[in-house]
Amino acid sequence: MKRILLLLIILFPLNLAIAEKQTTFDNDVFNKAQSDGKTVIISSWIKYCTSCASQMKALKDVEKDFDNLIYLTFDVTNREIAKQLNIQFQTTLVIYKNNKEVYRSLGELTKDKIYKAINSVI
């Protein structure tokens, strides 16, 4: 019984992290945002990645905390998007400004560091 309870305790947060993830990246939205002069932040994730969920949680409020910015996400197993953006790993964070990539990191999870990176390029 203790083993089952322990397993449930471990798996419950994992299931919550999985449920929060969805692909919001769309080429039309990405291109329009750039042509409108917005800064675009893209993060990649994979289904069972808890660090991806942590990164997404840190980025949850980014669109309301920064003017003229859009936040998009995608499942890194989507090879078409991954190839287009040259992203090979989950928890990759890429920032585009003026139609150029201006920042890239892998595994950045804390809100303070992510917001510092955003502030450095906007």
PDB file of N, CA and C in Angstrom:
ATOM      1  N   MET A   1       0.816  -1.191   0.000  1.00  0.00           N
ATOM      2  CA  MET A   1       0.000   0.000   0.000  1.00  0.00           C
ATOM      3  C   MET A   1       0.865   1.263   0.000  1.00  0.00           C
ATOM      4  N   LYS A   2       1.947   1.227   0.774  1.00  0.00           N
ATOM      5  CA  LYS A   2       2.848   2.382   0.826  1.00  0.00           C
ATOM      6  C   LYS A   2       3.474   2.656  -0.536  1.00  0.00           C
ATOM      7  N   ARG A   3       3.816   1.596  -1.247  1.00  0.00           N
ATOM      8  CA  ARG A   3       4.415   1.753  -2.581  1.00  0.00           C
ATOM      9  C   ARG A   3       3.434   2.411  -3.548  1.00  0.00           C
ATOM     10  N   ILE A   4       2.193   2.008  -3.497  1.00  0.00           N
ATOM     11  CA  ILE A   4       1.176   2.590  -4.374  1.00  0.00           C
ATOM     12  C   ILE A   4       0.979   4.064  -4.047  1.00  0.00           C
ATOM     13  N   LEU A   5       0.901   4.383  -2.774  1.00  0.00           N
ATOM     14  CA  LEU A   5       0.748   5.769  -2.351  1.00  0.00           C
ATOM     15  C   LEU A   5       1.942   6.609  -2.794  1.00  0.00           C
ATOM     16  N   LEU A   6       3.133   6.088  -2.624  1.00  0.00           N
ATOM     17  CA  LEU A   6       4.342   6.789  -3.049  1.00  0.00           C
ATOM     18  C   LEU A   6       4.344   7.003  -4.562  1.00  0.00           C
ATOM     19  N   LEU A   7       3.954   6.009  -5.310  1.00  0.00           N
ATOM     20  CA  LEU A   7       3.878   6.117  -6.767  1.00  0.00           C
ATOM     21  C   LEU A   7       2.875   7.194  -7.175  1.00  0.00           C
ATOM     22  N   LEU A   8       1.728   7.231  -6.528  1.00  0.00           N
ATOM     23  CA  LEU A   8       0.724   8.253  -6.831  1.00  0.00           C
ATOM     24  C   LEU A   8       1.241   9.653  -6.515  1.00  0.00           C
ATOM     25  N   ILE A   9       1.950   9.791  -5.424  1.00  0.00           N
ATOM     26  CA  ILE A   9       2.519  11.089  -5.043  1.00  0.00           C
ATOM     27  C   ILE A   9       3.530  11.558  -6.076  1.00  0.00           C
ATOM     28  N   ILE A  10       4.311  10.649  -6.596  1.00  0.00           N
ATOM     29  CA  ILE A  10       5.321  10.995  -7.603  1.00  0.00           C
ATOM     30  C   ILE A  10       4.669  11.303  -8.953  1.00  0.00           C
ATOM     31  N   LEU A  11       3.700  10.522  -9.353  1.00  0.00           N
ATOM     32  CA  LEU A  11       3.103  10.672 -10.676  1.00  0.00           C
ATOM     33  C   LEU A  11       2.092  11.805 -10.769  1.00  0.00           C
ATOM     34  N   PHE A  12       1.459  12.192  -9.690  1.00  0.00           N
ATOM     35  CA  PHE A  12       0.444  13.236  -9.743  1.00  0.00           C
ATOM     36  C   PHE A  12       1.001  14.557 -10.264  1.00  0.00           C
ATOM     37  N   PRO A  13       2.125  15.082  -9.742  1.00  0.00           N
ATOM     38  CA  PRO A  13       2.666  16.324 -10.314  1.00  0.00           C
ATOM     39  C   PRO A  13       3.080  16.163 -11.768  1.00  0.00           C
ATOM     40  N   LEU A  14       3.572  14.991 -12.146  1.00  0.00           N
ATOM     41  CA  LEU A  14       3.961  14.740 -13.530  1.00  0.00           C
ATOM     42  C   LEU A  14       2.745  14.852 -14.441  1.00  0.00           C
ATOM     43  N   ASN A  15       1.631  14.295 -14.037  1.00  0.00           N
ATOM     44  CA  ASN A  15       0.412  14.381 -14.840  1.00  0.00           C
ATOM     45  C   ASN A  15      -0.067  15.818 -14.969  1.00  0.00           C
ATOM     46  N   LEU A  16       0.053  16.609 -13.924  1.00  0.00           N
ATOM     47  CA  LEU A  16      -0.321  18.017 -14.006  1.00  0.00           C
ATOM     48  C   LEU A  16       0.566  18.752 -15.000  1.00  0.00           C
ATOM     49  N   ALA A  17       1.846  18.458 -14.986  1.00  0.00           N
ATOM     50  CA  ALA A  17       2.779  19.110 -15.906  1.00  0.00           C
ATOM     51  C   ALA A  17       2.454  18.750 -17.352  1.00  0.00           C
ATOM     52  N   ILE A  18       2.089  17.521 -17.581  1.00  0.00           N
ATOM     53  CA  ILE A  18       1.763  17.077 -18.937  1.00  0.00           C
ATOM     54  C   ILE A  18       0.505  17.779 -19.440  1.00  0.00           C
ATOM     55  N   ALA A  19      -0.482  17.919 -18.581  1.00  0.00           N
ATOM     56  CA  ALA A  19      -1.757  18.500 -18.990  1.00  0.00           C
ATOM     57  C   ALA A  19      -1.636  19.963 -19.409  1.00  0.00           C
ATOM     58  N   GLU A  20      -0.658  20.691 -18.869  1.00  0.00           N
ATOM     59  CA  GLU A  20      -0.511  22.112 -19.154  1.00  0.00           C
ATOM     60  C   GLU A  20       0.106  22.383 -20.525  1.00  0.00           C
ATOM     61  N   LYS A  21       0.741  21.436 -21.116  1.00  0.00           N
ATOM     62  CA  LYS A  21       1.489  21.657 -22.349  1.00  0.00           C
ATOM     63  C   LYS A  21       0.608  21.540 -23.576  1.00  0.00           C
ATOM     64  N   GLN A  22       0.751  22.500 -24.457  1.00  0.00           N
ATOM     65  CA  GLN A  22       0.083  22.432 -25.749  1.00  0.00           C
ATOM     66  C   GLN A  22       0.860  23.270 -26.753  1.00  0.00           C
ATOM     67  N   THR A  23       0.805  22.871 -28.009  1.00  0.00           N
ATOM     68  CA  THR A  23       1.494  23.623 -29.052  1.00  0.00           C
ATOM     69  C   THR A  23       0.665  24.844 -29.419  1.00  0.00           C
ATOM     70  N   THR A  24       1.287  26.011 -29.301  1.00  0.00           N
ATOM     71  CA  THR A  24       0.637  27.256 -29.703  1.00  0.00           C
ATOM     72  C   THR A  24       1.350  27.880 -30.896  1.00  0.00           C
ATOM     73  N   PHE A  25       2.496  27.294 -31.286  1.00  0.00           N
ATOM     74  CA  PHE A  25       3.241  27.821 -32.424  1.00  0.00           C
ATOM     75  C   PHE A  25       2.442  27.614 -33.704  1.00  0.00           C
ATOM     76  N   ASP A  26       2.380  28.664 -34.499  1.00  0.00           N
ATOM     77  CA  ASP A  26       1.719  28.641 -35.796  1.00  0.00           C
ATOM     78  C   ASP A  26       2.512  29.583 -36.693  1.00  0.00           C
ATOM     79  N   ASN A  27       2.863  29.136 -37.886  1.00  0.00           N
ATOM     80  CA  ASN A  27       3.672  29.961 -38.793  1.00  0.00           C
ATOM     81  C   ASN A  27       3.040  31.310 -39.078  1.00  0.00           C
ATOM     82  N   ASP A  28       1.727  31.325 -39.304  1.00  0.00           N
ATOM     83  CA  ASP A  28       1.053  32.587 -39.607  1.00  0.00           C
ATOM     84  C   ASP A  28       1.149  33.559 -38.431  1.00  0.00           C
ATOM     85  N   VAL A  29       0.924  33.055 -37.230  1.00  0.00           N
ATOM     86  CA  VAL A  29       1.022  33.901 -36.030  1.00  0.00           C
ATOM     87  C   VAL A  29       2.456  34.385 -35.842  1.00  0.00           C
ATOM     88  N   PHE A  30       3.419  33.468 -36.014  1.00  0.00           N
ATOM     89  CA  PHE A  30       4.842  33.797 -35.868  1.00  0.00           C
ATOM     90  C   PHE A  30       5.255  34.885 -36.863  1.00  0.00           C
ATOM     91  N   ASN A  31       4.906  34.697 -38.119  1.00  0.00           N
ATOM     92  CA  ASN A  31       5.296  35.671 -39.152  1.00  0.00           C
ATOM     93  C   ASN A  31       4.590  37.011 -38.975  1.00  0.00           C
ATOM     94  N   LYS A  32       3.311  36.986 -38.619  1.00  0.00           N
ATOM     95  CA  LYS A  32       2.571  38.234 -38.420  1.00  0.00           C
ATOM     96  C   LYS A  32       3.132  39.004 -37.230  1.00  0.00           C
ATOM     97  N   ALA A  33       3.425  38.304 -36.154  1.00  0.00           N
ATOM     98  CA  ALA A  33       3.981  38.967 -34.972  1.00  0.00           C
ATOM     99  C   ALA A  33       5.291  39.666 -35.320  1.00  0.00           C
ATOM    100  N   GLN A  34       6.128  38.997 -36.085  1.00  0.00           N
ATOM    101  CA  GLN A  34       7.400  39.612 -36.472  1.00  0.00           C
ATOM    102  C   GLN A  34       7.189  40.791 -37.410  1.00  0.00           C
ATOM    103  N   SER A  35       6.272  40.662 -38.359  1.00  0.00           N
ATOM    104  CA  SER A  35       6.026  41.780 -39.280  1.00  0.00           C
ATOM    105  C   SER A  35       5.380  42.964 -38.558  1.00  0.00           C
ATOM    106  N   ASP A  36       4.677  42.693 -37.460  1.00  0.00           N
ATOM    107  CA  ASP A  36       4.083  43.761 -36.653  1.00  0.00           C
ATOM    108  C   ASP A  36       5.089  44.374 -35.673  1.00  0.00           C
ATOM    109  N   GLY A  37       6.327  43.882 -35.687  1.00  0.00           N
ATOM    110  CA  GLY A  37       7.369  44.427 -34.817  1.00  0.00           C
ATOM    111  C   GLY A  37       7.360  43.900 -33.400  1.00  0.00           C
ATOM    112  N   LYS A  38       6.662  42.793 -33.178  1.00  0.00           N
ATOM    113  CA  LYS A  38       6.625  42.220 -31.836  1.00  0.00           C
ATOM    114  C   LYS A  38       7.851  41.353 -31.587  1.00  0.00           C
ATOM    115  N   THR A  39       8.247  41.274 -30.337  1.00  0.00           N
ATOM    116  CA  THR A  39       9.266  40.325 -29.915  1.00  0.00           C
ATOM    117  C   THR A  39       8.558  38.989 -29.719  1.00  0.00           C
ATOM    118  N   VAL A  40       9.155  37.917 -30.245  1.00  0.00           N
ATOM    119  CA  VAL A  40       8.544  36.593 -30.171  1.00  0.00           C
ATOM    120  C   VAL A  40       9.428  35.685 -29.329  1.00  0.00           C
ATOM    121  N   ILE A  41       8.811  35.061 -28.335  1.00  0.00           N
ATOM    122  CA  ILE A  41       9.504  34.090 -27.490  1.00  0.00           C
ATOM    123  C   ILE A  41       8.936  32.718 -27.806  1.00  0.00           C
ATOM    124  N   ILE A  42       9.826  31.768 -28.054  1.00  0.00           N
ATOM    125  CA  ILE A  42       9.404  30.403 -28.364  1.00  0.00           C
ATOM    126  C   ILE A  42      10.095  29.460 -27.398  1.00  0.00           C
ATOM    127  N   SER A  43       9.308  28.557 -26.815  1.00  0.00           N
ATOM    128  CA  SER A  43       9.891  27.514 -25.975  1.00  0.00           C
ATOM    129  C   SER A  43       9.446  26.158 -26.498  1.00  0.00           C
ATOM    130  N   SER A  44      10.322  25.185 -26.354  1.00  0.00           N
ATOM    131  CA  SER A  44      10.026  23.832 -26.814  1.00  0.00           C
ATOM    132  C   SER A  44       9.845  22.914 -25.613  1.00  0.00           C
ATOM    133  N   TRP A  45       9.020  21.904 -25.790  1.00  0.00           N
ATOM    134  CA  TRP A  45       8.737  20.966 -24.716  1.00  0.00           C
ATOM    135  C   TRP A  45       8.541  19.574 -25.302  1.00  0.00           C
ATOM    136  N   ILE A  46       8.480  18.614 -24.407  1.00  0.00           N
ATOM    137  CA  ILE A  46       8.163  17.237 -24.779  1.00  0.00           C
ATOM    138  C   ILE A  46       7.259  16.679 -23.678  1.00  0.00           C
ATOM    139  N   LYS A  47       6.448  15.740 -24.010  1.00  0.00           N
ATOM    140  CA  LYS A  47       5.343  15.297 -23.166  1.00  0.00           C
ATOM    141  C   LYS A  47       5.700  15.053 -21.695  1.00  0.00           C
ATOM    142  N   TYR A  48       6.702  14.274 -21.390  1.00  0.00           N
ATOM    143  CA  TYR A  48       6.969  13.875 -20.006  1.00  0.00           C
ATOM    144  C   TYR A  48       8.089  14.673 -19.346  1.00  0.00           C
ATOM    145  N   CYS A  49       8.363  15.839 -19.832  1.00  0.00           N
ATOM    146  CA  CYS A  49       9.479  16.645 -19.333  1.00  0.00           C
ATOM    147  C   CYS A  49       8.994  17.610 -18.245  1.00  0.00           C
ATOM    148  N   THR A  50       9.427  17.366 -17.020  1.00  0.00           N
ATOM    149  CA  THR A  50       9.016  18.240 -15.926  1.00  0.00           C
ATOM    150  C   THR A  50       9.756  19.575 -15.953  1.00  0.00           C
ATOM    151  N   SER A  51      10.985  19.593 -16.452  1.00  0.00           N
ATOM    152  CA  SER A  51      11.704  20.871 -16.556  1.00  0.00           C
ATOM    153  C   SER A  51      11.043  21.766 -17.606  1.00  0.00           C
ATOM    154  N   CYS A  52      10.463  21.161 -18.636  1.00  0.00           N
ATOM    155  CA  CYS A  52       9.723  21.931 -19.646  1.00  0.00           C
ATOM    156  C   CYS A  52       8.520  22.610 -18.998  1.00  0.00           C
ATOM    157  N   ALA A  53       7.827  21.860 -18.154  1.00  0.00           N
ATOM    158  CA  ALA A  53       6.668  22.421 -17.450  1.00  0.00           C
ATOM    159  C   ALA A  53       7.104  23.562 -16.540  1.00  0.00           C
ATOM    160  N   SER A  54       8.256  23.431 -15.909  1.00  0.00           N
ATOM    161  CA  SER A  54       8.773  24.507 -15.048  1.00  0.00           C
ATOM    162  C   SER A  54       9.069  25.753 -15.872  1.00  0.00           C
ATOM    163  N   GLN A  55       9.678  25.574 -17.038  1.00  0.00           N
ATOM    164  CA  GLN A  55       9.972  26.704 -17.906  1.00  0.00           C
ATOM    165  C   GLN A  55       8.680  27.372 -18.371  1.00  0.00           C
ATOM    166  N   MET A  56       7.703  26.571 -18.759  1.00  0.00           N
ATOM    167  CA  MET A  56       6.431  27.119 -19.219  1.00  0.00           C
ATOM    168  C   MET A  56       5.716  27.864 -18.091  1.00  0.00           C
ATOM    169  N   LYS A  57       5.816  27.346 -16.886  1.00  0.00           N
ATOM    170  CA  LYS A  57       5.210  28.026 -15.731  1.00  0.00           C
ATOM    171  C   LYS A  57       5.879  29.382 -15.511  1.00  0.00           C
ATOM    172  N   ALA A  58       7.190  29.429 -15.653  1.00  0.00           N
ATOM    173  CA  ALA A  58       7.920  30.690 -15.495  1.00  0.00           C
ATOM    174  C   ALA A  58       7.524  31.690 -16.567  1.00  0.00           C
ATOM    175  N   LEU A  59       7.158  31.202 -17.731  1.00  0.00           N
ATOM    176  CA  LEU A  59       6.786  32.070 -18.858  1.00  0.00           C
ATOM    177  C   LEU A  59       5.286  32.352 -18.935  1.00  0.00           C
ATOM    178  N   LYS A  60       4.529  31.801 -18.021  1.00  0.00           N
ATOM    179  CA  LYS A  60       3.072  31.900 -18.058  1.00  0.00           C
ATOM    180  C   LYS A  60       2.560  33.335 -18.196  1.00  0.00           C
ATOM    181  N   ASP A  61       3.160  34.262 -17.502  1.00  0.00           N
ATOM    182  CA  ASP A  61       2.674  35.638 -17.482  1.00  0.00           C
ATOM    183  C   ASP A  61       3.443  36.582 -18.395  1.00  0.00           C
ATOM    184  N   VAL A  62       4.321  36.042 -19.221  1.00  0.00           N
ATOM    185  CA  VAL A  62       5.218  36.896 -19.997  1.00  0.00           C
ATOM    186  C   VAL A  62       4.464  37.861 -20.917  1.00  0.00           C
ATOM    187  N   GLU A  63       3.386  37.413 -21.545  1.00  0.00           N
ATOM    188  CA  GLU A  63       2.666  38.294 -22.480  1.00  0.00           C
ATOM    189  C   GLU A  63       1.987  39.460 -21.764  1.00  0.00           C
ATOM    190  N   LYS A  64       1.538  39.242 -20.543  1.00  0.00           N
ATOM    191  CA  LYS A  64       0.907  40.355 -19.832  1.00  0.00           C
ATOM    192  C   LYS A  64       1.932  41.227 -19.104  1.00  0.00           C
ATOM    193  N   ASP A  65       3.108  40.683 -18.829  1.00  0.00           N
ATOM    194  CA  ASP A  65       4.145  41.446 -18.130  1.00  0.00           C
ATOM    195  C   ASP A  65       4.981  42.321 -19.061  1.00  0.00           C
ATOM    196  N   PHE A  66       4.972  42.016 -20.361  1.00  0.00           N
ATOM    197  CA  PHE A  66       5.761  42.768 -21.329  1.00  0.00           C
ATOM    198  C   PHE A  66       4.868  43.231 -22.473  1.00  0.00           C
ATOM    199  N   ASP A  67       5.020  44.493 -22.844  1.00  0.00           N
ATOM    200  CA  ASP A  67       4.277  45.010 -23.993  1.00  0.00           C
ATOM    201  C   ASP A  67       4.932  44.539 -25.287  1.00  0.00           C
ATOM    202  N   ASN A  68       4.127  44.410 -26.325  1.00  0.00           N
ATOM    203  CA  ASN A  68       4.621  44.129 -27.666  1.00  0.00           C
ATOM    204  C   ASN A  68       5.419  42.827 -27.760  1.00  0.00           C
ATOM    205  N   LEU A  69       4.922  41.800 -27.070  1.00  0.00           N
ATOM    206  CA  LEU A  69       5.608  40.519 -27.029  1.00  0.00           C
ATOM    207  C   LEU A  69       4.582  39.399 -27.179  1.00  0.00           C
ATOM    208  N   ILE A  70       4.973  38.328 -27.845  1.00  0.00           N
ATOM    209  CA  ILE A  70       4.110  37.155 -27.981  1.00  0.00           C
ATOM    210  C   ILE A  70       4.908  35.911 -27.609  1.00  0.00           C
ATOM    211  N   TYR A  71       4.255  34.985 -26.919  1.00  0.00           N
ATOM    212  CA  TYR A  71       4.886  33.761 -26.440  1.00  0.00           C
ATOM    213  C   TYR A  71       4.240  32.559 -27.123  1.00  0.00           C
ATOM    214  N   LEU A  72       5.064  31.720 -27.769  1.00  0.00           N
ATOM    215  CA  LEU A  72       4.596  30.527 -28.481  1.00  0.00           C
ATOM    216  C   LEU A  72       5.354  29.300 -27.990  1.00  0.00           C
ATOM    217  N   THR A  73       4.689  28.155 -28.004  1.00  0.00           N
ATOM    218  CA  THR A  73       5.328  26.914 -27.580  1.00  0.00           C
ATOM    219  C   THR A  73       5.079  25.825 -28.622  1.00  0.00           C
ATOM    220  N   PHE A  74       5.923  24.793 -28.584  1.00  0.00           N
ATOM    221  CA  PHE A  74       5.676  23.643 -29.465  1.00  0.00           C
ATOM    222  C   PHE A  74       6.340  22.399 -28.905  1.00  0.00           C
ATOM    223  N   ASP A  75       5.781  21.264 -29.275  1.00  0.00           N
ATOM    224  CA  ASP A  75       6.325  19.958 -28.917  1.00  0.00           C
ATOM    225  C   ASP A  75       7.522  19.687 -29.821  1.00  0.00           C
ATOM    226  N   VAL A  76       8.681  19.498 -29.225  1.00  0.00           N
ATOM    227  CA  VAL A  76       9.921  19.349 -29.990  1.00  0.00           C
ATOM    228  C   VAL A  76       9.911  18.098 -30.873  1.00  0.00           C
ATOM    229  N   THR A  77       8.991  17.181 -30.643  1.00  0.00           N
ATOM    230  CA  THR A  77       8.891  16.014 -31.530  1.00  0.00           C
ATOM    231  C   THR A  77       8.229  16.373 -32.853  1.00  0.00           C
ATOM    232  N   ASN A  78       7.687  17.585 -32.966  1.00  0.00           N
ATOM    233  CA  ASN A  78       7.166  18.062 -34.243  1.00  0.00           C
ATOM    234  C   ASN A  78       8.379  18.488 -35.078  1.00  0.00           C
ATOM    235  N   ARG A  79       8.861  17.580 -35.898  1.00  0.00           N
ATOM    236  CA  ARG A  79      10.116  17.772 -36.644  1.00  0.00           C
ATOM    237  C   ARG A  79      10.063  18.956 -37.615  1.00  0.00           C
ATOM    238  N   GLU A  80       8.905  19.238 -38.160  1.00  0.00           N
ATOM    239  CA  GLU A  80       8.786  20.347 -39.108  1.00  0.00           C
ATOM    240  C   GLU A  80       9.085  21.686 -38.416  1.00  0.00           C
ATOM    241  N   ILE A  81       8.462  21.907 -37.274  1.00  0.00           N
ATOM    242  CA  ILE A  81       8.703  23.150 -36.533  1.00  0.00           C
ATOM    243  C   ILE A  81      10.123  23.165 -35.983  1.00  0.00           C
ATOM    244  N   ALA A  82      10.556  22.047 -35.435  1.00  0.00           N
ATOM    245  CA  ALA A  82      11.906  21.967 -34.859  1.00  0.00           C
ATOM    246  C   ALA A  82      12.971  22.294 -35.902  1.00  0.00           C
ATOM    247  N   LYS A  83      12.805  21.772 -37.100  1.00  0.00           N
ATOM    248  CA  LYS A  83      13.767  22.040 -38.176  1.00  0.00           C
ATOM    249  C   LYS A  83      13.720  23.505 -38.591  1.00  0.00           C
ATOM    250  N   GLN A  84      12.518  24.035 -38.744  1.00  0.00           N
ATOM    251  CA  GLN A  84      12.365  25.438 -39.142  1.00  0.00           C
ATOM    252  C   GLN A  84      13.067  26.381 -38.160  1.00  0.00           C
ATOM    253  N   LEU A  85      12.961  26.079 -36.875  1.00  0.00           N
ATOM    254  CA  LEU A  85      13.522  26.957 -35.843  1.00  0.00           C
ATOM    255  C   LEU A  85      14.912  26.516 -35.382  1.00  0.00           C
ATOM    256  N   ASN A  86      15.417  25.425 -35.954  1.00  0.00           N
ATOM    257  CA  ASN A  86      16.704  24.864 -35.582  1.00  0.00           C
ATOM    258  C   ASN A  86      16.773  24.579 -34.076  1.00  0.00           C
ATOM    259  N   ILE A  87      15.727  23.916 -33.584  1.00  0.00           N
ATOM    260  CA  ILE A  87      15.646  23.542 -32.175  1.00  0.00           C
ATOM    261  C   ILE A  87      15.666  22.023 -32.099  1.00  0.00           C
ATOM    262  N   GLN A  88      16.634  21.494 -31.352  1.00  0.00           N
ATOM    263  CA  GLN A  88      16.801  20.049 -31.280  1.00  0.00           C
ATOM    264  C   GLN A  88      16.410  19.458 -29.930  1.00  0.00           C
ATOM    265  N   PHE A  89      16.291  20.311 -28.899  1.00  0.00           N
ATOM    266  CA  PHE A  89      16.068  19.804 -27.550  1.00  0.00           C
ATOM    267  C   PHE A  89      14.895  20.508 -26.877  1.00  0.00           C
ATOM    268  N   GLN A  90      14.262  19.793 -25.953  1.00  0.00           N
ATOM    269  CA  GLN A  90      13.226  20.418 -25.153  1.00  0.00           C
ATOM    270  C   GLN A  90      13.854  21.432 -24.194  1.00  0.00           C
ATOM    271  N   THR A  91      13.041  22.296 -23.663  1.00  0.00           N
ATOM    272  CA  THR A  91      13.422  23.422 -22.796  1.00  0.00           C
ATOM    273  C   THR A  91      14.369  24.408 -23.485  1.00  0.00           C
ATOM    274  N   THR A  92      14.304  24.445 -24.804  1.00  0.00           N
ATOM    275  CA  THR A  92      15.041  25.468 -25.531  1.00  0.00           C
ATOM    276  C   THR A  92      14.172  26.714 -25.575  1.00  0.00           C
ATOM    277  N   LEU A  93      14.775  27.832 -25.278  1.00  0.00           N
ATOM    278  CA  LEU A  93      14.086  29.117 -25.289  1.00  0.00           C
ATOM    279  C   LEU A  93      14.765  30.002 -26.321  1.00  0.00           C
ATOM    280  N   VAL A  94      13.986  30.509 -27.274  1.00  0.00           N
ATOM    281  CA  VAL A  94      14.535  31.348 -28.336  1.00  0.00           C
ATOM    282  C   VAL A  94      13.721  32.629 -28.396  1.00  0.00           C
ATOM    283  N   ILE A  95      14.418  33.758 -28.536  1.00  0.00           N
ATOM    284  CA  ILE A  95      13.755  35.054 -28.645  1.00  0.00           C
ATOM    285  C   ILE A  95      14.112  35.660 -29.996  1.00  0.00           C
ATOM    286  N   TYR A  96      13.077  36.109 -30.715  1.00  0.00           N
ATOM    287  CA  TYR A  96      13.230  36.778 -32.004  1.00  0.00           C
ATOM    288  C   TYR A  96      12.804  38.232 -31.860  1.00  0.00           C
ATOM    289  N   LYS A  97      13.573  39.102 -32.478  1.00  0.00           N
ATOM    290  CA  LYS A  97      13.221  40.522 -32.521  1.00  0.00           C
ATOM    291  C   LYS A  97      13.669  41.058 -33.873  1.00  0.00           C
ATOM    292  N   ASN A  98      12.817  41.842 -34.499  1.00  0.00           N
ATOM    293  CA  ASN A  98      13.122  42.401 -35.826  1.00  0.00           C
ATOM    294  C   ASN A  98      13.496  41.312 -36.824  1.00  0.00           C
ATOM    295  N   ASN A  99      12.750  40.215 -36.788  1.00  0.00           N
ATOM    296  CA  ASN A  99      12.941  39.087 -37.698  1.00  0.00           C
ATOM    297  C   ASN A  99      14.281  38.384 -37.549  1.00  0.00           C
ATOM    298  N   LYS A 100      14.947  38.559 -36.401  1.00  0.00           N
ATOM    299  CA  LYS A 100      16.232  37.899 -36.158  1.00  0.00           C
ATOM    300  C   LYS A 100      16.216  37.216 -34.801  1.00  0.00           C
ATOM    301  N   GLU A 101      16.900  36.090 -34.726  1.00  0.00           N
ATOM    302  CA  GLU A 101      17.087  35.444 -33.433  1.00  0.00           C
ATOM    303  C   GLU A 101      18.089  36.281 -32.635  1.00  0.00           C
ATOM    304  N   VAL A 102      17.684  36.694 -31.439  1.00  0.00           N
ATOM    305  CA  VAL A 102      18.553  37.542 -30.624  1.00  0.00           C
ATOM    306  C   VAL A 102      18.964  36.884 -29.309  1.00  0.00           C
ATOM    307  N   TYR A 103      18.359  35.731 -28.995  1.00  0.00           N
ATOM    308  CA  TYR A 103      18.700  35.047 -27.743  1.00  0.00           C
ATOM    309  C   TYR A 103      18.312  33.581 -27.868  1.00  0.00           C
ATOM    310  N   ARG A 104      19.144  32.702 -27.276  1.00  0.00           N
ATOM    311  CA  ARG A 104      18.855  31.266 -27.248  1.00  0.00           C
ATOM    312  C   ARG A 104      19.470  30.679 -25.988  1.00  0.00           C
ATOM    313  N   SER A 105      18.689  29.869 -25.294  1.00  0.00           N
ATOM    314  CA  SER A 105      19.211  29.171 -24.123  1.00  0.00           C
ATOM    315  C   SER A 105      18.595  27.778 -24.057  1.00  0.00           C
ATOM    316  N   LEU A 106      19.231  26.924 -23.326  1.00  0.00           N
ATOM    317  CA  LEU A 106      18.757  25.563 -23.145  1.00  0.00           C
ATOM    318  C   LEU A 106      18.641  25.291 -21.652  1.00  0.00           C
ATOM    319  N   GLY A 107      17.453  24.951 -21.202  1.00  0.00           N
ATOM    320  CA  GLY A 107      17.253  24.564 -19.809  1.00  0.00           C
ATOM    321  C   GLY A 107      17.082  25.705 -18.835  1.00  0.00           C
ATOM    322  N   GLU A 108      16.836  26.892 -19.313  1.00  0.00           N
ATOM    323  CA  GLU A 108      16.599  28.027 -18.416  1.00  0.00           C
ATOM    324  C   GLU A 108      15.224  27.874 -17.789  1.00  0.00           C
ATOM    325  N   LEU A 109      15.157  27.806 -16.443  1.00  0.00           N
ATOM    326  CA  LEU A 109      13.902  27.480 -15.780  1.00  0.00           C
ATOM    327  C   LEU A 109      13.379  28.564 -14.844  1.00  0.00           C
ATOM    328  N   THR A 110      14.218  29.444 -14.375  1.00  0.00           N
ATOM    329  CA  THR A 110      13.757  30.401 -13.373  1.00  0.00           C
ATOM    330  C   THR A 110      13.190  31.652 -14.023  1.00  0.00           C
ATOM    331  N   LYS A 111      12.114  32.136 -13.445  1.00  0.00           N
ATOM    332  CA  LYS A 111      11.442  33.321 -13.972  1.00  0.00           C
ATOM    333  C   LYS A 111      12.383  34.524 -13.978  1.00  0.00           C
ATOM    334  N   ASP A 112      13.166  34.693 -12.917  1.00  0.00           N
ATOM    335  CA  ASP A 112      14.093  35.838 -12.844  1.00  0.00           C
ATOM    336  C   ASP A 112      15.090  35.842 -13.996  1.00  0.00           C
ATOM    337  N   LYS A 113      15.693  34.707 -14.274  1.00  0.00           N
ATOM    338  CA  LYS A 113      16.690  34.634 -15.345  1.00  0.00           C
ATOM    339  C   LYS A 113      16.049  34.796 -16.717  1.00  0.00           C
ATOM    340  N   ILE A 114      14.870  34.211 -16.899  1.00  0.00           N
ATOM    341  CA  ILE A 114      14.174  34.341 -18.175  1.00  0.00           C
ATOM    342  C   ILE A 114      13.772  35.793 -18.411  1.00  0.00           C
ATOM    343  N   TYR A 115      13.230  36.450 -17.395  1.00  0.00           N
ATOM    344  CA  TYR A 115      12.830  37.844 -17.535  1.00  0.00           C
ATOM    345  C   TYR A 115      14.046  38.748 -17.743  1.00  0.00           C
ATOM    346  N   LYS A 116      15.167  38.405 -17.120  1.00  0.00           N
ATOM    347  CA  LYS A 116      16.400  39.162 -17.337  1.00  0.00           C
ATOM    348  C   LYS A 116      16.833  39.053 -18.807  1.00  0.00           C
ATOM    349  N   ALA A 117      16.733  37.856 -19.368  1.00  0.00           N
ATOM    350  CA  ALA A 117      17.076  37.645 -20.781  1.00  0.00           C
ATOM    351  C   ALA A 117      16.150  38.453 -21.679  1.00  0.00           C
ATOM    352  N   ILE A 118      14.862  38.431 -21.377  1.00  0.00           N
ATOM    353  CA  ILE A 118      13.899  39.198 -22.175  1.00  0.00           C
ATOM    354  C   ILE A 118      14.226  40.679 -22.104  1.00  0.00           C
ATOM    355  N   ASN A 119      14.447  41.174 -20.920  1.00  0.00           N
ATOM    356  CA  ASN A 119      14.765  42.595 -20.746  1.00  0.00           C
ATOM    357  C   ASN A 119      16.051  43.002 -21.467  1.00  0.00           C
ATOM    358  N   SER A 120      16.980  42.064 -21.616  1.00  0.00           N
ATOM    359  CA  SER A 120      18.247  42.385 -22.254  1.00  0.00           C
ATOM    360  C   SER A 120      18.108  42.564 -23.771  1.00  0.00           C
ATOM    361  N   VAL A 121      17.018  42.058 -24.350  1.00  0.00           N
ATOM    362  CA  VAL A 121      16.884  42.132 -25.810  1.00  0.00           C
ATOM    363  C   VAL A 121      15.713  43.001 -26.279  1.00  0.00           C
ATOM    364  N   ILE A 122      14.863  43.441 -25.366  1.00  0.00           N
ATOM    365  CA  ILE A 122      13.743  44.280 -25.812  1.00  0.00           C
ATOM    366  C   ILE A 122      14.038  45.755 -25.626  1.00  0.00           C
TER     367      ILE A 122
END
